[in-house]
């Protein structure tokens, strides 16, 4: 339900060995040991490739290529990679954008390194769903830390045996990642200044590109995190406050050693996060675990689908009942109104419309020929070939729509045009008589005239003219 709970932290030691076969056997045994300590078989496993076996870059691209980043990226990386891009696995995630620029975190790893890592895991009976890379895996910490990371820029550092991961999280998202050569081997060999200088150069490189987002503090992860001396030294080297990664506690967990599990916890938390993230299981290395997991859940998917269909059916039936009740209520109201006003009770809207068209009784509340009808009839009677300007139109008609008059004042080009207008108006069955008024000539030599039209549209006249029209 979009929540997560940490159940267990587990570790297994891989004894050092110069023999590659013995080291592989020891690694396989350690992986099986850790997986075996789980409270139940894991639903999914997420692993990572060491950062020194891949190249991580932040590249700026035009905003217009947002849908074609995968096509453009290999060409951008080809000239800056120390290995052949055609023999590499490439992936990306967008870390920031504005109106003109996309800031893209890109990774390229030689296929041989990805194949070897997956082969090692497969030999131990593990098929990871995803394969993260280097320091970028610490992005998963955003799902685990007790404090929200919105508005914060944090620096995560993990000092490993022979390399150091350097990750900047801005609002919980990885915007910069590097793997620096040297780790505890330099510290134990008395060359910690060399490691400090490398970290200072890396931080300067980040600040040069993102000076508006300086890190506010350091969170130390890995084996060096429990050491107070390591935190003090790191704070001195980078001039930032340094603490440890605050991971969720579990029963019987040693609080002092919890930060050593930061990388594994961040990988596990990727299963609860959303959005695109760097994953080297691409192309020929794509995971088949997702398909298998989906097949295992087919019964649950089928049940959920059936539940959705059932809910849809219930909703549809409920809407039908409501609509049917409204229809019955409207039909009852129509029957009441039609009986009262039309003299015939009906529950059909079509039949009521027919009765309404046939009703001409004294009780009919609607006028049969109103002023709008007079206006429309006069307008249609004026020939299109006549240039006619109407300056005044007065229409008077009684409440029954049977008797009235219309007075027209207009301007035409000639007396002949006026007579054509009069002739066409008199053709209408409800205009039995017209009376021509005075005519005058304006300064443009056009004829202004006055015309009075009698309006008589009673039922007998309408029926008589309708029958005459039918005989013709």
Protein backbone atom coordinates (compact mmCIF):
# COMPACT_ATOMS: atom_id res chain seq x y z
CA UNK A 1 0.00 0.00 0.00
CA UNK A 2 2.82 2.38 -1.05
CA UNK A 3 4.58 1.85 2.27
CA UNK A 4 7.73 -0.01 3.19
CA UNK A 5 9.22 -1.69 6.24
CA UNK A 6 12.78 -2.83 6.77
CA UNK A 7 12.78 -6.46 7.92
CA UNK A 8 16.42 -7.48 8.15
CA UNK A 9 20.02 -6.47 7.52
CA UNK A 10 22.35 -9.34 6.74
CA UNK A 11 25.98 -9.73 5.69
CA UNK A 12 28.44 -12.49 4.83
CA UNK A 13 32.22 -12.35 4.68
CA UNK A 14 34.11 -13.08 1.45
CA UNK A 15 37.55 -14.37 2.43
CA UNK A 16 40.45 -12.86 0.51
CA UNK A 17 42.04 -15.23 -1.99
CA UNK A 18 44.53 -14.85 -4.82
CA UNK A 19 43.02 -17.81 -6.69
CA UNK A 20 40.18 -16.57 -8.98
CA UNK A 21 38.30 -19.89 -8.72
CA UNK A 22 38.43 -19.90 -4.93
CA UNK A 23 37.35 -16.26 -4.83
CA UNK A 24 34.38 -17.03 -7.14
CA UNK A 25 33.34 -19.96 -4.93
CA UNK A 26 33.63 -17.79 -1.81
CA UNK A 27 31.56 -15.03 -3.45
CA UNK A 28 28.85 -17.49 -4.48
CA UNK A 29 28.72 -18.95 -0.99
CA UNK A 30 28.41 -15.45 0.53
CA UNK A 31 25.57 -14.50 -1.80
CA UNK A 32 23.68 -17.70 -1.01
CA UNK A 33 24.30 -17.11 2.70
CA UNK A 34 22.84 -13.58 2.60
CA UNK A 35 19.80 -14.61 0.53
CA UNK A 36 19.25 -17.58 2.83
CA UNK A 37 19.02 -15.28 5.87
CA UNK A 38 15.90 -13.64 4.46
CA UNK A 39 12.70 -14.28 6.42
CA UNK A 40 11.14 -15.68 3.23
CA UNK A 41 12.27 -16.10 -0.38
CA UNK A 42 12.66 -12.61 -1.89
CA UNK A 43 10.12 -11.41 -4.45
CA UNK A 44 12.87 -9.58 -6.31
CA UNK A 45 16.58 -8.95 -6.03
CA UNK A 46 18.34 -5.75 -7.09
CA UNK A 47 22.11 -5.67 -7.52
CA UNK A 48 24.72 -3.17 -8.71
CA UNK A 49 27.89 -2.94 -10.78
CA UNK A 50 30.90 -1.27 -9.17
CA UNK A 51 31.30 2.34 -10.28
CA UNK A 52 34.95 1.91 -11.36
CA UNK A 53 33.76 -0.53 -14.07
CA UNK A 54 31.54 2.05 -15.79
CA UNK A 55 31.59 5.70 -16.87
CA UNK A 56 29.08 8.17 -15.41
CA UNK A 57 28.57 11.58 -17.01
CA UNK A 58 26.17 14.48 -16.70
CA UNK A 59 25.50 15.72 -20.24
CA UNK A 60 23.50 18.74 -21.38
CA UNK A 61 21.23 18.21 -24.40
CA UNK A 62 18.74 20.49 -26.19
CA UNK A 63 15.26 20.29 -24.66
CA UNK A 64 13.81 19.42 -28.06
CA UNK A 65 15.37 15.92 -28.06
CA UNK A 66 13.56 14.80 -24.90
CA UNK A 67 11.83 11.94 -26.79
CA UNK A 68 15.00 10.93 -28.65
CA UNK A 69 17.60 10.95 -25.87
CA UNK A 70 18.31 7.22 -26.30
CA UNK A 71 19.10 7.81 -29.98
CA UNK A 72 21.24 10.93 -29.47
CA UNK A 73 23.21 9.79 -26.40
CA UNK A 74 25.62 7.27 -28.00
CA UNK A 75 26.90 9.94 -30.39
CA UNK A 76 27.47 12.37 -27.50
CA UNK A 77 29.34 9.76 -25.45
CA UNK A 78 31.46 8.27 -28.23
CA UNK A 79 34.13 10.98 -28.17
CA UNK A 80 34.56 11.13 -24.38
CA UNK A 81 34.56 7.46 -23.36
CA UNK A 82 37.80 5.53 -22.80
CA UNK A 83 36.24 2.44 -24.43
CA UNK A 84 34.21 1.58 -27.53
CA UNK A 85 30.60 2.76 -27.32
CA UNK A 86 29.46 -0.02 -29.68
CA UNK A 87 30.59 -2.62 -27.14
CA UNK A 88 28.86 -0.95 -24.20
CA UNK A 89 25.52 -0.90 -22.41
CA UNK A 90 24.14 2.66 -22.29
CA UNK A 91 21.34 4.08 -20.16
CA UNK A 92 20.26 7.48 -18.86
CA UNK A 93 17.92 9.38 -16.58
CA UNK A 94 16.91 13.05 -16.74
CA UNK A 95 18.04 14.82 -13.56
CA UNK A 96 16.90 18.36 -14.39
CA UNK A 97 15.48 20.44 -17.23
CA UNK A 98 14.51 23.96 -18.20
CA UNK A 99 12.99 25.56 -21.29
CA UNK A 100 16.12 25.04 -23.41
CA UNK A 101 18.26 22.32 -21.80
CA UNK A 102 18.03 18.75 -20.53
CA UNK A 103 20.51 17.71 -17.85
CA UNK A 104 20.99 13.97 -18.37
CA UNK A 105 22.83 11.50 -16.13
CA UNK A 106 24.28 8.97 -18.57
CA UNK A 107 26.06 5.67 -17.89
CA UNK A 108 28.08 3.49 -20.24
CA UNK A 109 29.54 0.17 -19.16
CA UNK A 110 31.48 -2.36 -21.28
CA UNK A 111 29.34 -5.39 -22.02
CA UNK A 112 32.02 -7.72 -20.69
CA UNK A 113 31.79 -6.19 -17.19
CA UNK A 114 27.97 -6.40 -17.17
CA UNK A 115 28.08 -9.99 -18.44
CA UNK A 116 30.65 -10.99 -15.80
CA UNK A 117 28.63 -9.46 -12.94
CA UNK A 118 25.41 -11.16 -14.05
CA UNK A 119 27.31 -14.45 -14.52
CA UNK A 120 28.64 -14.25 -10.94
CA UNK A 121 25.13 -13.69 -9.60
CA UNK A 122 23.65 -16.42 -11.79
CA UNK A 123 26.24 -18.91 -10.49
CA UNK A 124 24.92 -18.16 -6.99
CA UNK A 125 21.32 -18.73 -8.10
CA UNK A 126 20.42 -15.04 -8.23
CA UNK A 127 18.70 -13.30 -11.16
CA UNK A 128 18.50 -9.58 -10.31
CA UNK A 129 15.55 -7.62 -11.64
CA UNK A 130 17.72 -4.49 -12.00
CA UNK A 131 21.44 -3.76 -12.12
CA UNK A 132 22.28 -0.32 -10.78
CA UNK A 133 25.68 1.26 -11.11
CA UNK A 134 28.18 2.91 -8.78
CA UNK A 135 27.27 5.86 -6.60
CA UNK A 136 23.91 6.42 -8.34
CA UNK A 137 22.36 3.61 -6.28
CA UNK A 138 22.28 5.93 -3.26
CA UNK A 139 19.29 7.66 -4.86
CA UNK A 140 17.19 4.93 -3.22
CA UNK A 141 17.96 6.45 0.20
CA UNK A 142 15.31 9.09 -0.48
CA UNK A 143 12.69 6.39 0.21
CA UNK A 144 14.26 5.41 3.56
CA UNK A 145 15.52 8.51 5.35
CA UNK A 146 13.27 9.66 8.20
CA UNK A 147 13.46 13.33 7.11
CA UNK A 148 12.04 14.55 3.77
CA UNK A 149 14.73 15.57 1.30
CA UNK A 150 12.71 18.26 -0.50
CA UNK A 151 14.70 21.47 -0.65
CA UNK A 152 17.93 19.78 0.49
CA UNK A 153 21.17 19.04 -1.34
CA UNK A 154 23.14 16.25 0.37
CA UNK A 155 26.51 14.67 -0.35
CA UNK A 156 26.67 10.87 0.17
CA UNK A 157 30.18 9.39 0.43
CA UNK A 158 31.04 5.70 0.77
CA UNK A 159 34.74 4.96 1.32
CA UNK A 160 35.25 1.40 0.09
CA UNK A 161 38.23 -0.94 0.12
CA UNK A 162 39.89 0.45 -3.02
CA UNK A 163 37.47 3.10 -4.34
CA UNK A 164 35.18 5.82 -3.00
CA UNK A 165 31.68 6.59 -4.23
CA UNK A 166 30.62 10.23 -4.36
CA UNK A 167 26.90 11.03 -4.86
CA UNK A 168 24.97 14.33 -4.67
CA UNK A 169 21.25 14.11 -3.92
CA UNK A 170 19.15 17.17 -4.76
CA UNK A 171 15.55 16.89 -3.54
CA UNK A 172 16.18 13.14 -3.18
CA UNK A 173 17.36 12.73 -6.78
CA UNK A 174 20.89 11.84 -7.87
CA UNK A 175 22.22 14.78 -9.92
CA UNK A 176 25.95 13.96 -9.78
CA UNK A 177 27.88 10.73 -9.20
CA UNK A 178 31.53 9.72 -9.38
CA UNK A 179 33.65 6.79 -8.29
CA UNK A 180 37.10 7.97 -7.13
CA UNK A 181 40.08 5.63 -7.24
CA UNK A 182 41.37 4.84 -3.75
CA UNK A 183 39.65 4.18 -0.49
CA UNK A 184 40.61 2.51 2.76
CA UNK A 185 43.77 1.21 1.08
CA UNK A 186 45.05 4.81 0.82
CA UNK A 187 44.01 5.63 4.36
CA UNK A 188 45.66 2.54 5.83
CA UNK A 189 48.75 3.10 3.64
CA UNK A 190 49.32 6.56 5.06
CA UNK A 191 48.21 8.33 1.86
CA UNK A 192 44.95 9.83 3.04
CA UNK A 193 46.00 13.25 1.63
CA UNK A 194 45.83 11.69 -1.82
CA UNK A 195 42.24 10.57 -1.20
CA UNK A 196 41.36 13.96 0.28
CA UNK A 197 42.71 15.78 -2.79
CA UNK A 198 40.70 13.51 -5.11
CA UNK A 199 37.50 14.22 -3.16
CA UNK A 200 38.17 17.96 -3.19
CA UNK A 201 38.63 17.91 -6.99
CA UNK A 202 35.41 15.95 -7.39
CA UNK A 203 33.45 18.39 -5.21
CA UNK A 204 34.94 21.32 -7.15
CA UNK A 205 33.84 19.68 -10.40
CA UNK A 206 30.28 19.42 -9.11
CA UNK A 207 30.22 23.01 -7.86
CA UNK A 208 31.52 24.29 -11.19
CA UNK A 209 28.40 22.91 -12.92
CA UNK A 210 25.83 23.38 -10.14
CA UNK A 211 26.99 26.40 -8.18
CA UNK A 212 23.36 27.21 -7.39
CA UNK A 213 22.96 23.91 -5.50
CA UNK A 214 25.88 23.58 -3.03
CA UNK A 215 25.69 20.56 -0.67
CA UNK A 216 24.66 21.51 2.86
CA UNK A 217 26.21 18.49 4.61
CA UNK A 218 27.81 15.09 4.16
CA UNK A 219 26.29 11.71 5.02
CA UNK A 220 28.93 9.05 5.36
CA UNK A 221 28.08 5.45 4.43
CA UNK A 222 29.96 2.16 4.33
CA UNK A 223 32.61 0.65 6.59
CA UNK A 224 34.15 4.01 7.53
CA UNK A 225 30.85 5.55 8.71
CA UNK A 226 31.01 4.29 12.33
CA UNK A 227 34.49 5.81 12.81
CA UNK A 228 34.40 9.24 14.45
CA UNK A 229 37.89 9.98 13.11
CA UNK A 230 36.77 9.33 9.53
CA UNK A 231 33.84 11.74 9.85
CA UNK A 232 36.03 14.47 11.38
CA UNK A 233 38.68 14.03 8.66
CA UNK A 234 36.11 14.16 5.88
CA UNK A 235 34.46 17.27 7.34
CA UNK A 236 37.86 18.96 7.48
CA UNK A 237 38.76 17.99 3.89
CA UNK A 238 35.51 19.21 2.29
CA UNK A 239 34.61 21.96 4.79
CA UNK A 240 31.14 20.54 5.38
CA UNK A 241 29.37 19.11 8.41
CA UNK A 242 29.57 15.29 8.30
CA UNK A 243 27.22 12.74 9.83
CA UNK A 244 26.12 9.20 9.02
CA UNK A 245 23.27 7.88 6.91
CA UNK A 246 20.28 7.37 9.30
CA UNK A 247 18.84 4.04 8.17
CA UNK A 248 15.66 2.51 9.61
CA UNK A 249 16.28 0.29 12.62
CA UNK A 250 15.24 -3.35 12.96
CA UNK A 251 15.12 -5.69 15.91
CA UNK A 252 18.55 -6.85 17.15
CA UNK A 253 20.32 -4.41 14.79
CA UNK A 254 23.51 -2.72 15.97
CA UNK A 255 22.89 1.02 15.61
CA UNK A 256 26.62 1.72 15.24
CA UNK A 257 27.00 -0.53 12.19
CA UNK A 258 23.73 0.37 10.43
CA UNK A 259 25.41 2.88 8.04
CA UNK A 260 27.53 0.05 6.62
CA UNK A 261 24.34 -1.31 5.00
CA UNK A 262 23.51 2.00 3.24
CA UNK A 263 24.31 0.74 -0.27
CA UNK A 264 22.29 -2.47 0.11
CA UNK A 265 19.39 -0.62 1.75
CA UNK A 266 19.36 1.97 -1.06
CA UNK A 267 19.25 -0.82 -3.66
CA UNK A 268 16.37 -2.54 -1.87
CA UNK A 269 14.46 0.76 -1.65
CA UNK A 270 14.52 1.08 -5.45
CA UNK A 271 11.67 -1.45 -5.50
CA UNK A 272 9.39 1.11 -3.77
CA UNK A 273 10.41 4.15 -5.83
CA UNK A 274 8.87 5.22 -9.12
CA UNK A 275 10.19 6.83 -12.25
CA UNK A 276 13.04 5.99 -14.59
CA UNK A 277 16.42 5.16 -13.03
CA UNK A 278 19.75 3.88 -14.33
CA UNK A 279 19.59 0.15 -15.03
CA UNK A 280 22.22 -1.86 -16.96
CA UNK A 281 19.83 -4.75 -17.61
CA UNK A 282 19.18 -3.53 -21.13
CA UNK A 283 18.99 -5.23 -24.53
CA UNK A 284 20.60 -8.66 -24.44
CA UNK A 285 20.92 -8.39 -20.64
CA UNK A 286 17.23 -7.58 -20.03
CA UNK A 287 15.77 -9.45 -17.08
CA UNK A 288 13.30 -12.28 -17.54
CA UNK A 289 12.34 -12.09 -13.87
CA UNK A 290 9.71 -9.42 -14.55
CA UNK A 291 7.84 -11.70 -16.95
CA UNK A 292 8.05 -14.62 -14.54
CA UNK A 293 6.83 -12.46 -11.68
CA UNK A 294 3.87 -11.32 -13.77
CA UNK A 295 2.98 -14.93 -14.57
CA UNK A 296 3.06 -15.77 -10.87
CA UNK A 297 0.59 -12.97 -10.23
CA UNK A 298 -1.81 -13.83 -13.08
CA UNK A 299 -4.38 -15.27 -10.70
CA UNK A 300 -4.37 -12.07 -8.64
CA UNK A 301 -4.54 -9.99 -11.82
CA UNK A 302 -7.53 -12.03 -13.03
CA UNK A 303 -9.32 -11.60 -9.69
CA UNK A 304 -8.69 -7.84 -9.73
CA UNK A 305 -9.91 -7.60 -13.32
CA UNK A 306 -13.08 -9.51 -12.42
CA UNK A 307 -13.62 -7.20 -9.45
CA UNK A 308 -13.29 -4.15 -11.71
CA UNK A 309 -15.80 -5.62 -14.17
CA UNK A 310 -18.22 -6.41 -11.34
CA UNK A 311 -17.90 -2.87 -9.95
CA UNK A 312 -18.51 -1.46 -13.43
CA UNK A 313 -21.60 -3.64 -13.85
CA UNK A 314 -23.03 -2.60 -10.48
CA UNK A 315 -22.37 1.06 -11.30
CA UNK A 316 -24.02 0.71 -14.72
CA UNK A 317 -27.09 -1.00 -13.22
CA UNK A 318 -27.39 1.69 -10.54
CA UNK A 319 -27.25 4.41 -13.20
CA UNK A 320 -29.91 2.56 -15.22
CA UNK A 321 -32.22 2.38 -12.18
CA UNK A 322 -31.81 6.10 -11.52
CA UNK A 323 -32.38 7.01 -15.19
CA UNK A 324 -35.42 4.71 -15.39
CA UNK A 325 -36.94 6.30 -12.27
CA UNK A 326 -36.41 9.77 -13.76
CA UNK A 327 -38.01 8.62 -17.03
CA UNK A 328 -41.10 7.32 -15.21
CA UNK A 329 -41.45 10.56 -13.26
CA UNK A 330 -41.20 12.64 -16.45
CA UNK A 331 -43.71 10.38 -18.24
CA UNK A 332 -46.21 10.82 -15.39
CA UNK A 333 -45.75 14.60 -15.56
CA UNK A 334 -46.22 14.54 -19.36
CA UNK A 335 -49.45 12.56 -19.02
CA UNK A 336 -50.78 15.09 -16.51
CA UNK A 337 -49.86 18.14 -18.61
CA UNK A 338 -51.08 16.66 -21.92
CA UNK A 339 -54.46 15.75 -20.41
CA UNK A 340 -54.83 19.25 -18.97
CA UNK A 341 -53.70 21.33 -21.96
CA UNK A 342 -54.18 19.11 -25.02
CA UNK A 343 -57.26 17.17 -23.97
CA UNK A 344 -55.60 13.80 -24.55
CA UNK A 345 -53.45 11.98 -22.01
CA UNK A 346 -50.21 10.57 -23.39
CA UNK A 347 -46.91 9.32 -21.93
CA UNK A 348 -45.09 9.49 -25.27
CA UNK A 349 -43.06 12.60 -26.13
CA UNK A 350 -43.52 12.00 -29.87
CA UNK A 351 -47.29 11.71 -29.56
CA UNK A 352 -47.42 14.82 -27.38
CA UNK A 353 -45.50 16.72 -30.05
CA UNK A 354 -48.01 15.61 -32.70
CA UNK A 355 -50.95 16.64 -30.50
CA UNK A 356 -49.31 20.00 -29.87
CA UNK A 357 -48.93 20.59 -33.60
CA UNK A 358 -52.59 19.76 -34.21
CA UNK A 359 -54.00 21.85 -31.34
CA UNK A 360 -55.70 25.09 -32.46
CA UNK A 361 -58.40 25.36 -29.85
CA UNK A 362 -59.24 28.45 -27.84
CA UNK A 363 -57.45 26.91 -24.88
CA UNK A 364 -54.16 26.69 -26.78
CA UNK A 365 -51.82 28.94 -24.70
CA UNK A 366 -49.40 29.57 -27.61
CA UNK A 367 -50.07 32.21 -30.34
CA UNK A 368 -50.41 30.71 -33.80
CA UNK A 369 -48.68 33.54 -35.69
CA UNK A 370 -46.67 35.89 -33.51
CA UNK A 371 -44.54 38.95 -34.24
CA UNK A 372 -41.43 36.82 -34.89
CA UNK A 373 -43.35 34.92 -37.56
CA UNK A 374 -44.43 38.24 -39.18
CA UNK A 375 -40.81 39.46 -39.18
CA UNK A 376 -39.58 36.23 -40.73
CA UNK A 377 -42.34 36.25 -43.41
CA UNK A 378 -41.59 39.85 -44.45
CA UNK A 379 -37.84 39.20 -44.51
CA UNK A 380 -38.28 36.15 -46.74
CA UNK A 381 -40.65 38.04 -49.06
CA UNK A 382 -38.10 40.71 -50.04
CA UNK A 383 -36.37 39.49 -53.24
CA UNK A 384 -32.63 38.92 -52.97
CA UNK A 385 -32.10 40.99 -56.14
CA UNK A 386 -33.61 44.10 -54.53
CA UNK A 387 -31.33 46.40 -52.53
CA UNK A 388 -33.57 47.13 -49.55
CA UNK A 389 -32.81 49.14 -46.41
CA UNK A 390 -35.36 49.01 -43.59
CA UNK A 391 -35.44 52.15 -41.45
CA UNK A 392 -38.51 51.32 -39.34
CA UNK A 393 -40.66 48.23 -38.73
CA UNK A 394 -43.73 48.22 -36.48
CA UNK A 395 -45.62 44.97 -35.81
CA UNK A 396 -48.88 44.78 -33.86
CA UNK A 397 -50.71 41.46 -33.40
CA UNK A 398 -53.36 40.21 -30.97
CA UNK A 399 -52.78 37.57 -28.28
CA UNK A 400 -54.42 34.87 -30.40
CA UNK A 401 -52.05 35.48 -33.30
CA UNK A 402 -54.93 35.93 -35.74
CA UNK A 403 -55.24 39.66 -36.44
CA UNK A 404 -52.80 42.55 -36.63
CA UNK A 405 -50.82 44.84 -38.87
CA UNK A 406 -47.26 45.60 -39.85
CA UNK A 407 -45.93 49.00 -40.92
CA UNK A 408 -42.75 49.11 -42.95
CA UNK A 409 -40.61 52.16 -43.78
CA UNK A 410 -37.80 51.34 -46.20
CA UNK A 411 -35.61 52.53 -49.05
CA UNK A 412 -35.18 50.92 -52.47
CA UNK A 413 -33.54 51.95 -55.74
CA UNK A 414 -36.77 52.46 -57.68
CA UNK A 415 -40.57 52.44 -57.59
CA UNK A 416 -40.45 49.17 -59.53
CA UNK A 417 -38.43 47.62 -56.74
CA UNK A 418 -41.03 48.79 -54.21
CA UNK A 419 -43.78 47.23 -56.27
CA UNK A 420 -41.87 43.95 -56.44
CA UNK A 421 -41.57 43.96 -52.64
CA UNK A 422 -45.31 44.61 -52.29
CA UNK A 423 -46.11 41.86 -54.80
CA UNK A 424 -44.03 39.29 -52.94
CA UNK A 425 -45.46 40.23 -49.53
CA UNK A 426 -49.02 39.85 -50.81
CA UNK A 427 -48.28 36.26 -51.83
CA UNK A 428 -48.11 35.21 -48.17
CA UNK A 429 -51.33 33.65 -46.93
CA UNK A 430 -51.40 35.71 -43.72
CA UNK A 431 -50.97 39.10 -45.51
CA UNK A 432 -54.33 39.50 -47.33
CA UNK A 433 -54.03 43.26 -47.95
CA UNK A 434 -51.31 45.87 -48.33
CA UNK A 435 -51.64 49.65 -48.47
CA UNK A 436 -49.01 51.76 -50.11
CA UNK A 437 -48.11 55.03 -48.46
CA UNK A 438 -46.23 58.12 -49.53
CA UNK A 439 -43.01 57.81 -51.53
CA UNK A 440 -40.12 60.30 -51.55
CA UNK A 441 -36.70 60.63 -53.19
CA UNK A 442 -33.57 61.11 -51.07
CA UNK A 443 -30.36 62.86 -52.09
CA UNK A 444 -28.90 59.64 -53.45
CA UNK A 445 -31.89 59.39 -55.81
CA UNK A 446 -33.20 56.35 -53.91
CA UNK A 447 -36.92 55.90 -53.12
CA UNK A 448 -38.15 55.95 -49.55
CA UNK A 449 -41.55 54.40 -49.10
CA UNK A 450 -44.14 53.45 -46.49
CA UNK A 451 -46.19 50.26 -46.57
CA UNK A 452 -48.96 49.02 -44.26
CA UNK A 453 -49.63 45.26 -44.24
CA UNK A 454 -52.74 43.70 -42.75
CA UNK A 455 -52.15 40.49 -40.78
CA UNK A 456 -54.96 37.93 -40.83
CA UNK A 457 -54.00 34.36 -40.03
CA UNK A 458 -57.11 32.66 -38.64
CA UNK A 459 -57.64 28.89 -38.75
CA UNK A 460 -60.27 28.97 -41.53
CA UNK A 461 -58.07 31.03 -43.82
CA UNK A 462 -55.05 28.80 -43.17
CA UNK A 463 -56.97 25.58 -43.87
CA UNK A 464 -58.65 27.06 -46.98
CA UNK A 465 -55.41 28.23 -48.50
CA UNK A 466 -53.71 24.96 -47.57
CA UNK A 467 -56.42 23.00 -49.47
CA UNK A 468 -56.17 25.35 -52.47
CA UNK A 469 -52.44 24.88 -52.53
CA UNK A 470 -52.90 21.10 -52.45
CA UNK A 471 -55.35 21.19 -55.46
CA UNK A 472 -52.90 23.22 -57.49
